[in-house]
Amino acid sequence: MARNMQPVAKRCKALGLSPAVLGYSKKETIRNPKGTMRRKKSEYATQLNEKQKVKFIYGMLEKQFRSYYEKAAKMQGKTGENLLVLCERRLDNVVFHLGFATTRRQARQLVTHGHFTVDGKKVDIPSYQVKPGQVIAVKEKSRSSALFQALTGEDAPFITVPAWLEKDANELKGTVVRMPERDDIDYPVEEHLIVELYSK
C-alpha cells in the first residue's frame, strides 16, 4: 500500500500548516529560517499549495485524492465542500478525532492492523467512509493493550471531539451523530482553489 512518508515538520512549514493539525505538538524545523522571505507565489502555485495541504493532512497520494475530487464533483452542492467532507468521513480521520490515536498517521496504521470495528464488524480500510448512526469502537481483543488502556480512567488525555461525533471514552467507542459540515473543518484551507486547479 502506498504511503505518504514526507517529513512532517519540514512539509508543514512548506505548506504553511501547524503540525498540531496532524496531531504533532512538539514538531518543528530549523531549516530555512528565512522561509517567509520567499517571493510572491503565482496563482497556480497558490492553488497547488492548497491541494497539497489537504493531501498531506489526510495522508493521500494523487490518484486517491483525484478520485475523491471526481466523486465530489458528481455530488449535489459545492464541489470543494463535498471534497473536504469526503476526506473528513475517512475512518482513519474519525479514529484520530475520537482520540484513539495521537496522529492521523498512527490512526491509519491502527486501522490497517485491524484494531477497530464499525457496527461490530472489523474494518481495516483507512479510507472507509463512515455514515451517520454508525458506531466505531476499539476491538475487544485490542482493548487490553497499553495503548488503549491509557485512554480510559482518570489519567486519560482530554480530547475535544468534533460536533458531528460523540465519544464514549469508558467504552472506547464513538458514534457518528451526523455528516460533517464545512464549519467542522479545523484547519485553514481555501477549497475553491483546489476546484479551480482541477477545472483547468
N, C-alpha and C. Protein backbone atom coordinates (compact mmCIF):
# COMPACT_ATOMS: atom_id res chain seq x y z
N MET A 1 0.84 -1.19 0.00
CA MET A 1 0.00 0.00 0.00
C MET A 1 0.88 1.25 0.00
N ALA A 2 0.60 2.19 -0.89
CA ALA A 2 1.38 3.42 -0.97
C ALA A 2 1.12 4.28 0.25
N ARG A 3 2.19 4.88 0.77
CA ARG A 3 2.06 5.73 1.95
C ARG A 3 2.79 7.05 1.74
N ASN A 4 2.30 8.08 2.37
CA ASN A 4 2.95 9.37 2.32
C ASN A 4 3.92 9.45 3.51
N MET A 5 5.22 9.40 3.23
CA MET A 5 6.23 9.36 4.28
C MET A 5 7.06 10.65 4.34
N GLN A 6 6.48 11.76 3.88
CA GLN A 6 7.21 13.02 3.90
C GLN A 6 7.47 13.49 5.34
N PRO A 7 8.61 14.16 5.58
CA PRO A 7 8.91 14.68 6.93
C PRO A 7 7.83 15.66 7.37
N VAL A 8 7.26 15.43 8.53
CA VAL A 8 6.12 16.22 8.98
C VAL A 8 6.46 17.70 9.18
N ALA A 9 7.48 18.00 9.98
CA ALA A 9 7.80 19.39 10.30
C ALA A 9 8.20 20.18 9.06
N LYS A 10 9.04 19.59 8.24
CA LYS A 10 9.52 20.27 7.03
C LYS A 10 8.36 20.53 6.07
N ARG A 11 7.51 19.55 5.90
CA ARG A 11 6.39 19.68 4.96
C ARG A 11 5.36 20.67 5.48
N CYS A 12 5.10 20.66 6.78
CA CYS A 12 4.14 21.60 7.36
C CYS A 12 4.61 23.04 7.16
N LYS A 13 5.91 23.26 7.33
CA LYS A 13 6.44 24.61 7.15
C LYS A 13 6.29 25.06 5.70
N ALA A 14 6.55 24.15 4.77
CA ALA A 14 6.44 24.49 3.35
C ALA A 14 5.00 24.81 2.96
N LEU A 15 4.05 24.13 3.59
CA LEU A 15 2.64 24.31 3.24
C LEU A 15 1.95 25.36 4.10
N GLY A 16 2.67 25.91 5.09
CA GLY A 16 2.07 26.91 5.95
C GLY A 16 1.08 26.33 6.95
N LEU A 17 1.34 25.11 7.39
CA LEU A 17 0.45 24.42 8.33
C LEU A 17 1.08 24.31 9.71
N SER A 18 0.25 24.23 10.72
CA SER A 18 0.73 23.94 12.06
C SER A 18 0.78 22.42 12.23
N PRO A 19 1.90 21.86 12.72
CA PRO A 19 1.98 20.41 12.94
C PRO A 19 0.88 19.89 13.85
N ALA A 20 0.30 20.77 14.67
CA ALA A 20 -0.77 20.37 15.59
C ALA A 20 -1.99 19.85 14.84
N VAL A 21 -2.18 20.31 13.60
CA VAL A 21 -3.31 19.85 12.78
C VAL A 21 -3.23 18.35 12.55
N LEU A 22 -2.00 17.84 12.45
CA LEU A 22 -1.79 16.41 12.23
C LEU A 22 -1.61 15.64 13.53
N GLY A 23 -1.66 16.36 14.67
CA GLY A 23 -1.55 15.70 15.96
C GLY A 23 -0.18 15.80 16.60
N TYR A 24 0.75 16.53 15.95
CA TYR A 24 2.10 16.67 16.49
C TYR A 24 2.21 18.00 17.23
N SER A 25 2.45 17.95 18.53
CA SER A 25 2.50 19.18 19.32
C SER A 25 3.92 19.71 19.50
N LYS A 26 4.95 18.88 19.27
CA LYS A 26 6.32 19.32 19.53
C LYS A 26 7.21 19.23 18.29
N LYS A 27 6.60 19.22 17.12
CA LYS A 27 7.37 19.14 15.89
C LYS A 27 7.71 20.54 15.39
N GLU A 28 8.96 20.73 15.02
CA GLU A 28 9.35 21.99 14.40
C GLU A 28 10.63 21.76 13.61
N THR A 29 10.96 22.69 12.74
CA THR A 29 12.16 22.55 11.94
C THR A 29 12.94 23.86 11.97
N ILE A 30 14.27 23.77 11.96
CA ILE A 30 15.10 24.98 11.94
C ILE A 30 15.63 25.22 10.53
N ARG A 31 15.21 24.40 9.57
CA ARG A 31 15.65 24.57 8.19
C ARG A 31 15.03 25.82 7.58
N ASN A 32 15.78 26.50 6.74
CA ASN A 32 15.32 27.67 6.02
C ASN A 32 14.63 28.68 6.95
N PRO A 33 15.35 29.22 7.94
CA PRO A 33 14.73 30.15 8.90
C PRO A 33 14.18 31.41 8.25
N LYS A 34 14.65 31.74 7.03
CA LYS A 34 14.15 32.92 6.34
C LYS A 34 13.13 32.55 5.27
N GLY A 35 12.45 31.45 5.50
CA GLY A 35 11.49 30.94 4.52
C GLY A 35 10.36 31.91 4.23
N THR A 36 10.06 32.80 5.17
CA THR A 36 8.97 33.75 4.96
C THR A 36 9.34 34.84 3.97
N MET A 37 10.59 34.89 3.54
CA MET A 37 11.05 35.93 2.63
C MET A 37 10.94 35.50 1.16
N ARG A 38 10.31 34.38 0.89
CA ARG A 38 10.18 33.91 -0.48
C ARG A 38 9.35 34.89 -1.31
N ARG A 39 9.60 34.88 -2.62
CA ARG A 39 8.87 35.78 -3.49
C ARG A 39 7.41 35.37 -3.59
N LYS A 40 6.59 36.29 -4.06
CA LYS A 40 5.15 36.06 -4.15
C LYS A 40 4.84 34.87 -5.05
N LYS A 41 3.90 34.04 -4.62
CA LYS A 41 3.54 32.85 -5.39
C LYS A 41 2.62 33.19 -6.55
N SER A 42 2.73 32.41 -7.60
CA SER A 42 1.83 32.58 -8.74
C SER A 42 0.46 32.00 -8.39
N GLU A 43 -0.53 32.27 -9.23
CA GLU A 43 -1.87 31.74 -8.99
C GLU A 43 -1.86 30.22 -8.96
N TYR A 44 -1.13 29.62 -9.91
CA TYR A 44 -1.04 28.16 -9.97
C TYR A 44 -0.39 27.60 -8.72
N ALA A 45 0.69 28.26 -8.26
CA ALA A 45 1.41 27.78 -7.07
C ALA A 45 0.52 27.84 -5.84
N THR A 46 -0.31 28.88 -5.75
CA THR A 46 -1.23 29.01 -4.61
C THR A 46 -2.27 27.91 -4.63
N GLN A 47 -2.80 27.63 -5.81
CA GLN A 47 -3.80 26.56 -5.95
C GLN A 47 -3.19 25.21 -5.63
N LEU A 48 -1.99 24.97 -6.14
CA LEU A 48 -1.30 23.70 -5.90
C LEU A 48 -1.00 23.51 -4.42
N ASN A 49 -0.63 24.60 -3.75
CA ASN A 49 -0.33 24.55 -2.32
C ASN A 49 -1.54 24.08 -1.51
N GLU A 50 -2.73 24.58 -1.86
CA GLU A 50 -3.95 24.19 -1.15
C GLU A 50 -4.23 22.71 -1.35
N LYS A 51 -4.04 22.23 -2.58
CA LYS A 51 -4.27 20.81 -2.86
C LYS A 51 -3.29 19.94 -2.08
N GLN A 52 -2.02 20.32 -2.11
CA GLN A 52 -1.00 19.53 -1.42
C GLN A 52 -1.22 19.54 0.09
N LYS A 53 -1.75 20.66 0.60
CA LYS A 53 -2.03 20.78 2.03
C LYS A 53 -3.06 19.73 2.47
N VAL A 54 -4.18 19.63 1.74
CA VAL A 54 -5.23 18.68 2.10
C VAL A 54 -4.76 17.24 1.91
N LYS A 55 -4.02 16.98 0.83
CA LYS A 55 -3.48 15.64 0.59
C LYS A 55 -2.56 15.22 1.73
N PHE A 56 -1.72 16.15 2.19
CA PHE A 56 -0.76 15.83 3.24
C PHE A 56 -1.45 15.59 4.58
N ILE A 57 -2.44 16.40 4.90
CA ILE A 57 -3.16 16.26 6.17
C ILE A 57 -3.79 14.88 6.29
N TYR A 58 -4.44 14.42 5.21
CA TYR A 58 -5.14 13.13 5.26
C TYR A 58 -4.28 11.95 4.80
N GLY A 59 -3.02 12.23 4.43
CA GLY A 59 -2.11 11.15 4.05
C GLY A 59 -2.47 10.46 2.75
N MET A 60 -2.95 11.23 1.77
CA MET A 60 -3.34 10.64 0.50
C MET A 60 -2.36 10.99 -0.61
N LEU A 61 -2.27 10.11 -1.59
CA LEU A 61 -1.48 10.38 -2.78
C LEU A 61 -2.41 10.87 -3.89
N GLU A 62 -1.84 11.30 -5.00
CA GLU A 62 -2.60 11.99 -6.05
C GLU A 62 -3.76 11.16 -6.63
N LYS A 63 -3.51 9.89 -6.92
CA LYS A 63 -4.55 9.07 -7.54
C LYS A 63 -5.80 8.98 -6.68
N GLN A 64 -5.62 8.73 -5.40
CA GLN A 64 -6.77 8.62 -4.49
C GLN A 64 -7.45 9.98 -4.30
N PHE A 65 -6.66 11.04 -4.19
CA PHE A 65 -7.23 12.37 -3.99
C PHE A 65 -8.04 12.79 -5.22
N ARG A 66 -7.53 12.46 -6.38
CA ARG A 66 -8.23 12.79 -7.63
C ARG A 66 -9.58 12.08 -7.70
N SER A 67 -9.62 10.82 -7.25
CA SER A 67 -10.88 10.08 -7.26
C SER A 67 -11.88 10.70 -6.29
N TYR A 68 -11.39 11.23 -5.17
CA TYR A 68 -12.26 11.93 -4.22
C TYR A 68 -12.85 13.17 -4.89
N TYR A 69 -12.01 13.90 -5.63
CA TYR A 69 -12.48 15.12 -6.29
C TYR A 69 -13.56 14.78 -7.32
N GLU A 70 -13.32 13.75 -8.11
CA GLU A 70 -14.30 13.37 -9.14
C GLU A 70 -15.62 12.95 -8.52
N LYS A 71 -15.55 12.26 -7.39
CA LYS A 71 -16.77 11.87 -6.69
C LYS A 71 -17.49 13.09 -6.13
N ALA A 72 -16.71 14.03 -5.58
CA ALA A 72 -17.28 15.26 -5.01
C ALA A 72 -17.96 16.10 -6.08
N ALA A 73 -17.39 16.09 -7.29
CA ALA A 73 -17.94 16.88 -8.39
C ALA A 73 -19.31 16.37 -8.83
N LYS A 74 -19.56 15.08 -8.62
CA LYS A 74 -20.83 14.48 -9.04
C LYS A 74 -21.91 14.62 -7.97
N MET A 75 -21.52 15.04 -6.77
CA MET A 75 -22.48 15.19 -5.67
C MET A 75 -23.17 16.55 -5.75
N GLN A 76 -24.33 16.66 -5.12
CA GLN A 76 -25.02 17.93 -5.06
C GLN A 76 -24.28 18.87 -4.12
N GLY A 77 -24.38 20.18 -4.39
CA GLY A 77 -23.71 21.16 -3.53
C GLY A 77 -22.39 21.61 -4.11
N LYS A 78 -21.60 22.30 -3.30
CA LYS A 78 -20.32 22.83 -3.74
C LYS A 78 -19.26 21.73 -3.75
N THR A 79 -18.57 21.62 -4.87
CA THR A 79 -17.57 20.57 -5.04
C THR A 79 -16.48 20.63 -3.98
N GLY A 80 -15.99 21.83 -3.68
CA GLY A 80 -14.92 21.97 -2.69
C GLY A 80 -15.32 21.48 -1.32
N GLU A 81 -16.53 21.87 -0.89
CA GLU A 81 -17.01 21.44 0.42
C GLU A 81 -17.26 19.94 0.44
N ASN A 82 -17.81 19.42 -0.66
CA ASN A 82 -18.03 17.97 -0.75
C ASN A 82 -16.72 17.21 -0.62
N LEU A 83 -15.67 17.74 -1.23
CA LEU A 83 -14.35 17.11 -1.19
C LEU A 83 -13.83 17.02 0.25
N LEU A 84 -13.96 18.12 0.99
CA LEU A 84 -13.49 18.13 2.37
C LEU A 84 -14.30 17.20 3.26
N VAL A 85 -15.61 17.14 3.00
CA VAL A 85 -16.49 16.26 3.78
C VAL A 85 -16.12 14.80 3.55
N LEU A 86 -15.82 14.44 2.30
CA LEU A 86 -15.40 13.06 1.99
C LEU A 86 -14.11 12.71 2.72
N CYS A 87 -13.20 13.67 2.78
CA CYS A 87 -11.93 13.44 3.50
C CYS A 87 -12.17 13.27 4.99
N GLU A 88 -13.06 14.09 5.54
CA GLU A 88 -13.35 14.02 6.97
C GLU A 88 -14.01 12.70 7.35
N ARG A 89 -14.77 12.12 6.44
CA ARG A 89 -15.51 10.89 6.73
C ARG A 89 -14.64 9.63 6.67
N ARG A 90 -13.37 9.78 6.35
CA ARG A 90 -12.47 8.62 6.33
C ARG A 90 -12.38 8.01 7.73
N LEU A 91 -12.33 6.70 7.81
CA LEU A 91 -12.28 6.02 9.10
C LEU A 91 -11.05 6.40 9.90
N ASP A 92 -9.89 6.51 9.24
CA ASP A 92 -8.68 6.86 9.99
C ASP A 92 -8.79 8.27 10.57
N ASN A 93 -9.46 9.17 9.86
CA ASN A 93 -9.65 10.53 10.37
C ASN A 93 -10.60 10.54 11.57
N VAL A 94 -11.63 9.70 11.52
CA VAL A 94 -12.58 9.60 12.63
C VAL A 94 -11.89 9.03 13.86
N VAL A 95 -11.05 8.02 13.68
CA VAL A 95 -10.29 7.43 14.78
C VAL A 95 -9.40 8.49 15.43
N PHE A 96 -8.78 9.33 14.61
CA PHE A 96 -7.94 10.42 15.13
C PHE A 96 -8.77 11.43 15.91
N HIS A 97 -9.91 11.84 15.36
CA HIS A 97 -10.76 12.82 16.03
C HIS A 97 -11.34 12.30 17.34
N LEU A 98 -11.56 11.00 17.42
CA LEU A 98 -12.10 10.42 18.66
C LEU A 98 -11.02 10.25 19.73
N GLY A 99 -9.78 10.51 19.35
CA GLY A 99 -8.69 10.43 20.32
C GLY A 99 -8.14 9.04 20.53
N PHE A 100 -8.46 8.10 19.63
CA PHE A 100 -7.94 6.74 19.75
C PHE A 100 -6.54 6.62 19.16
N ALA A 101 -6.05 7.70 18.57
CA ALA A 101 -4.69 7.77 18.04
C ALA A 101 -4.21 9.20 18.20
N THR A 102 -2.92 9.39 18.42
CA THR A 102 -2.41 10.74 18.66
C THR A 102 -2.19 11.51 17.36
N THR A 103 -1.99 10.80 16.25
CA THR A 103 -1.79 11.46 14.96
C THR A 103 -2.60 10.74 13.89
N ARG A 104 -2.80 11.38 12.77
CA ARG A 104 -3.53 10.73 11.68
C ARG A 104 -2.74 9.58 11.11
N ARG A 105 -1.42 9.68 11.10
CA ARG A 105 -0.58 8.58 10.61
C ARG A 105 -0.73 7.35 11.50
N GLN A 106 -0.75 7.58 12.81
CA GLN A 106 -0.92 6.47 13.74
C GLN A 106 -2.31 5.86 13.57
N ALA A 107 -3.32 6.72 13.37
CA ALA A 107 -4.68 6.23 13.19
C ALA A 107 -4.77 5.34 11.95
N ARG A 108 -4.12 5.76 10.88
CA ARG A 108 -4.12 4.97 9.64
C ARG A 108 -3.50 3.59 9.89
N GLN A 109 -2.39 3.57 10.63
CA GLN A 109 -1.70 2.31 10.92
C GLN A 109 -2.56 1.40 11.79
N LEU A 110 -3.20 1.96 12.82
CA LEU A 110 -4.04 1.17 13.72
C LEU A 110 -5.24 0.57 12.99
N VAL A 111 -5.83 1.35 12.09
CA VAL A 111 -6.96 0.84 11.31
C VAL A 111 -6.50 -0.29 10.41
N THR A 112 -5.37 -0.09 9.73
CA THR A 112 -4.83 -1.12 8.83
C THR A 112 -4.54 -2.42 9.56
N HIS A 113 -4.15 -2.32 10.83
CA HIS A 113 -3.82 -3.51 11.63
C HIS A 113 -5.06 -4.15 12.24
N GLY A 114 -6.23 -3.61 11.93
CA GLY A 114 -7.48 -4.24 12.34
C GLY A 114 -7.89 -4.06 13.78
N HIS A 115 -7.58 -2.91 14.38
CA HIS A 115 -7.92 -2.68 15.78
C HIS A 115 -9.31 -2.09 16.00
N PHE A 116 -10.04 -1.81 14.92
CA PHE A 116 -11.34 -1.15 15.07
C PHE A 116 -12.48 -1.88 14.36
N THR A 117 -13.67 -1.66 14.90
CA THR A 117 -14.86 -2.23 14.29
C THR A 117 -15.83 -1.09 13.96
N VAL A 118 -16.65 -1.32 12.96
CA VAL A 118 -17.72 -0.38 12.61
C VAL A 118 -19.02 -1.17 12.68
N ASP A 119 -19.87 -0.78 13.61
CA ASP A 119 -21.12 -1.51 13.85
C ASP A 119 -20.86 -2.99 14.16
N GLY A 120 -19.78 -3.24 14.90
CA GLY A 120 -19.47 -4.60 15.34
C GLY A 120 -18.67 -5.43 14.37
N LYS A 121 -18.40 -4.92 13.18
CA LYS A 121 -17.64 -5.67 12.18
C LYS A 121 -16.27 -5.03 11.97
N LYS A 122 -15.22 -5.86 11.94
CA LYS A 122 -13.87 -5.35 11.77
C LYS A 122 -13.71 -4.69 10.41
N VAL A 123 -13.14 -3.49 10.42
CA VAL A 123 -12.85 -2.77 9.19
C VAL A 123 -11.39 -2.34 9.23
N ASP A 124 -10.61 -2.76 8.24
CA ASP A 124 -9.19 -2.42 8.21
C ASP A 124 -8.81 -1.58 7.00
N ILE A 125 -9.79 -0.80 6.51
CA ILE A 125 -9.57 0.07 5.35
C ILE A 125 -9.61 1.53 5.82
N PRO A 126 -8.47 2.22 5.87
CA PRO A 126 -8.43 3.59 6.36
C PRO A 126 -9.36 4.55 5.63
N SER A 127 -9.60 4.31 4.34
CA SER A 127 -10.42 5.22 3.55
C SER A 127 -11.92 4.91 3.64
N TYR A 128 -12.30 3.94 4.46
CA TYR A 128 -13.71 3.58 4.63
C TYR A 128 -14.51 4.83 5.01
N GLN A 129 -15.64 5.06 4.31
CA GLN A 129 -16.47 6.24 4.54
C GLN A 129 -17.54 5.94 5.60
N VAL A 130 -17.44 6.60 6.74
CA VAL A 130 -18.42 6.40 7.81
C VAL A 130 -19.72 7.12 7.48
N LYS A 131 -20.82 6.65 8.08
CA LYS A 131 -22.14 7.22 7.85
C LYS A 131 -22.80 7.55 9.19
N PRO A 132 -23.75 8.49 9.19
CA PRO A 132 -24.46 8.84 10.43
C PRO A 132 -25.10 7.61 11.06
N GLY A 133 -24.95 7.48 12.38
CA GLY A 133 -25.53 6.36 13.10
C GLY A 133 -24.56 5.22 13.33
N GLN A 134 -23.47 5.19 12.60
CA GLN A 134 -22.51 4.10 12.77
C GLN A 134 -21.69 4.27 14.04
N VAL A 135 -21.34 3.14 14.63
CA VAL A 135 -20.55 3.14 15.88
C VAL A 135 -19.16 2.59 15.59
N ILE A 136 -18.15 3.38 15.89
CA ILE A 136 -16.76 2.98 15.70
C ILE A 136 -16.19 2.64 17.07
N ALA A 137 -15.66 1.44 17.22
CA ALA A 137 -15.18 1.00 18.53
C ALA A 137 -13.84 0.27 18.41
N VAL A 138 -13.09 0.30 19.51
CA VAL A 138 -11.85 -0.46 19.58
C VAL A 138 -12.24 -1.93 19.74
N LYS A 139 -11.63 -2.79 18.96
CA LYS A 139 -11.95 -4.22 19.00
C LYS A 139 -11.67 -4.80 20.38
N GLU A 140 -12.50 -5.72 20.83
CA GLU A 140 -12.39 -6.32 22.17
C GLU A 140 -10.99 -6.82 22.46
N LYS A 141 -10.38 -7.55 21.53
CA LYS A 141 -9.06 -8.12 21.75
C LYS A 141 -7.97 -7.06 21.88
N SER A 142 -8.24 -5.87 21.34
CA SER A 142 -7.23 -4.80 21.36
C SER A 142 -7.30 -3.94 22.61
N ARG A 143 -8.41 -4.02 23.35
CA ARG A 143 -8.61 -3.12 24.49
C ARG A 143 -7.64 -3.36 25.64
N SER A 144 -7.05 -4.55 25.71
CA SER A 144 -6.13 -4.86 26.80
C SER A 144 -4.73 -4.29 26.57
N SER A 145 -4.47 -3.79 25.36
CA SER A 145 -3.14 -3.25 25.06
C SER A 145 -2.92 -1.95 25.84
N ALA A 146 -1.67 -1.67 26.15
CA ALA A 146 -1.32 -0.47 26.93
C ALA A 146 -1.75 0.80 26.21
N LEU A 147 -1.67 0.79 24.89
CA LEU A 147 -2.04 1.97 24.10
C LEU A 147 -3.48 2.40 24.36
N PHE A 148 -4.40 1.45 24.36
CA PHE A 148 -5.82 1.78 24.52
C PHE A 148 -6.23 1.89 26.00
N GLN A 149 -5.56 1.15 26.87
CA GLN A 149 -5.87 1.25 28.29
C GLN A 149 -5.54 2.65 28.83
N ALA A 150 -4.54 3.28 28.22
CA ALA A 150 -4.14 4.63 28.65
C ALA A 150 -5.19 5.68 28.28
N LEU A 151 -6.16 5.28 27.45
CA LEU A 151 -7.19 6.23 27.00
C LEU A 151 -8.40 6.25 27.92
N THR A 152 -8.41 5.38 28.93
CA THR A 152 -9.54 5.33 29.86
C THR A 152 -9.07 5.66 31.28
N GLY A 153 -10.00 5.93 32.14
CA GLY A 153 -9.66 6.22 33.54
C GLY A 153 -9.40 7.70 33.79
N GLU A 154 -8.98 8.00 35.01
CA GLU A 154 -8.77 9.39 35.42
C GLU A 154 -7.59 10.06 34.71
N ASP A 155 -6.61 9.27 34.31
CA ASP A 155 -5.42 9.83 33.67
C ASP A 155 -5.54 9.94 32.15
N ALA A 156 -6.70 9.64 31.63
CA ALA A 156 -6.91 9.69 30.18
C ALA A 156 -6.77 11.13 29.68
N PRO A 157 -6.12 11.32 28.53
CA PRO A 157 -5.96 12.68 27.99
C PRO A 157 -7.31 13.28 27.58
N PHE A 158 -7.43 14.61 27.73
CA PHE A 158 -8.67 15.29 27.35
C PHE A 158 -8.66 15.54 25.84
N ILE A 159 -9.71 15.12 25.18
CA ILE A 159 -9.82 15.28 23.73
C ILE A 159 -11.08 16.08 23.39
N THR A 160 -10.92 17.10 22.55
CA THR A 160 -12.07 17.85 22.07
C THR A 160 -12.59 17.16 20.82
N VAL A 161 -13.76 16.57 20.92
CA VAL A 161 -14.35 15.81 19.81
C VAL A 161 -15.23 16.74 18.96
N PRO A 162 -15.12 16.67 17.63
CA PRO A 162 -15.96 17.50 16.77
C PRO A 162 -17.45 17.28 17.03
N ALA A 163 -18.26 18.27 16.71
CA ALA A 163 -19.70 18.22 16.99
C ALA A 163 -20.41 17.10 16.25
N TRP A 164 -19.84 16.64 15.14
CA TRP A 164 -20.52 15.60 14.36
C TRP A 164 -20.21 14.18 14.88
N LEU A 165 -19.38 14.12 15.92
CA LEU A 165 -19.05 12.83 16.54
C LEU A 165 -19.40 12.86 18.02
N GLU A 166 -19.66 11.69 18.58
CA GLU A 166 -19.94 11.56 20.01
C GLU A 166 -19.10 10.43 20.55
N LYS A 167 -18.39 10.69 21.66
CA LYS A 167 -17.45 9.70 22.18
C LYS A 167 -17.87 9.16 23.54
N ASP A 168 -17.73 7.85 23.69
CA ASP A 168 -17.93 7.19 24.98
C ASP A 168 -16.56 6.66 25.39
N ALA A 169 -15.81 7.46 26.16
CA ALA A 169 -14.42 7.14 26.49
C ALA A 169 -14.30 5.84 27.27
N ASN A 170 -15.19 5.61 28.22
CA ASN A 170 -15.10 4.41 29.05
C ASN A 170 -15.30 3.12 28.25
N GLU A 171 -16.12 3.21 27.19
CA GLU A 171 -16.38 2.03 26.36
C GLU A 171 -15.46 1.97 25.13
N LEU A 172 -14.58 2.98 24.99
CA LEU A 172 -13.68 3.08 23.84
C LEU A 172 -14.44 2.95 22.52
N LYS A 173 -15.45 3.79 22.39
CA LYS A 173 -16.21 3.80 21.15
C LYS A 173 -16.75 5.20 20.88
N GLY A 174 -17.14 5.42 19.65
CA GLY A 174 -17.71 6.71 19.28
C GLY A 174 -18.79 6.51 18.24
N THR A 175 -19.70 7.47 18.16
CA THR A 175 -20.82 7.39 17.23
C THR A 175 -20.80 8.57 16.27
N VAL A 176 -21.09 8.31 15.02
CA VAL A 176 -21.22 9.37 14.03
C VAL A 176 -22.63 9.95 14.16
N VAL A 177 -22.74 11.13 14.75
CA VAL A 177 -24.03 11.73 15.03
C VAL A 177 -24.68 12.27 13.75
N ARG A 178 -23.86 12.89 12.91
CA ARG A 178 -24.36 13.46 11.66
C ARG A 178 -23.22 13.57 10.67
N MET A 179 -23.53 14.00 9.48
CA MET A 179 -22.50 14.20 8.47
C MET A 179 -21.68 15.44 8.85
N PRO A 180 -20.38 15.42 8.63
CA PRO A 180 -19.58 16.62 8.91
C PRO A 180 -19.94 17.74 7.94
N GLU A 181 -19.79 18.98 8.39
CA GLU A 181 -20.09 20.15 7.57
C GLU A 181 -18.83 20.98 7.39
N ARG A 182 -18.91 21.97 6.53
CA ARG A 182 -17.74 22.82 6.26
C ARG A 182 -17.23 23.48 7.54
N ASP A 183 -18.11 23.91 8.41
CA ASP A 183 -17.71 24.57 9.65
C ASP A 183 -16.98 23.64 10.61
N ASP A 184 -17.05 22.33 10.38
CA ASP A 184 -16.39 21.37 11.26
C ASP A 184 -14.91 21.18 10.91
N ILE A 185 -14.49 21.69 9.76
CA ILE A 185 -13.09 21.54 9.34
C ILE A 185 -12.22 22.41 10.24
N ASP A 186 -11.24 21.80 10.91
CA ASP A 186 -10.48 22.51 11.93
C ASP A 186 -9.10 23.00 11.48
N TYR A 187 -8.91 23.21 10.20
CA TYR A 187 -7.65 23.75 9.70
C TYR A 187 -7.93 24.73 8.57
N PRO A 188 -7.07 25.71 8.34
CA PRO A 188 -7.32 26.70 7.30
C PRO A 188 -7.10 26.14 5.90
N VAL A 189 -8.10 26.25 5.06
CA VAL A 189 -7.98 25.77 3.67
C VAL A 189 -8.97 26.53 2.80
N GLU A 190 -8.53 26.87 1.61
CA GLU A 190 -9.39 27.53 0.63
C GLU A 190 -9.70 26.51 -0.46
N GLU A 191 -10.74 25.74 -0.23
CA GLU A 191 -11.04 24.61 -1.10
C GLU A 191 -11.40 25.03 -2.53
N HIS A 192 -11.89 26.27 -2.70
CA HIS A 192 -12.26 26.72 -4.05
C HIS A 192 -11.03 26.77 -4.96
N LEU A 193 -9.86 26.94 -4.37
CA LEU A 193 -8.62 26.97 -5.18
C LEU A 193 -8.30 25.58 -5.72
N ILE A 194 -8.65 24.54 -4.97
CA ILE A 194 -8.45 23.17 -5.43
C ILE A 194 -9.36 22.89 -6.61
N VAL A 195 -10.61 23.35 -6.50
CA VAL A 195 -11.57 23.18 -7.59
C VAL A 195 -11.10 23.90 -8.84
N GLU A 196 -10.57 25.11 -8.67
CA GLU A 196 -10.07 25.88 -9.81
C GLU A 196 -8.90 25.16 -10.48
N LEU A 197 -8.04 24.56 -9.66
CA LEU A 197 -6.88 23.84 -10.19
C LEU A 197 -7.30 22.65 -11.04
N TYR A 198 -8.25 21.87 -10.54
CA TYR A 198 -8.68 20.67 -11.28
C TYR A 198 -9.60 21.03 -12.45
N SER A 199 -10.15 22.22 -12.45
CA SER A 199 -11.08 22.62 -13.51
C SER A 199 -10.35 23.10 -14.77
N LYS A 200 -9.04 23.29 -14.66
CA LYS A 200 -8.29 23.81 -15.81
C LYS A 200 -8.19 22.79 -16.93
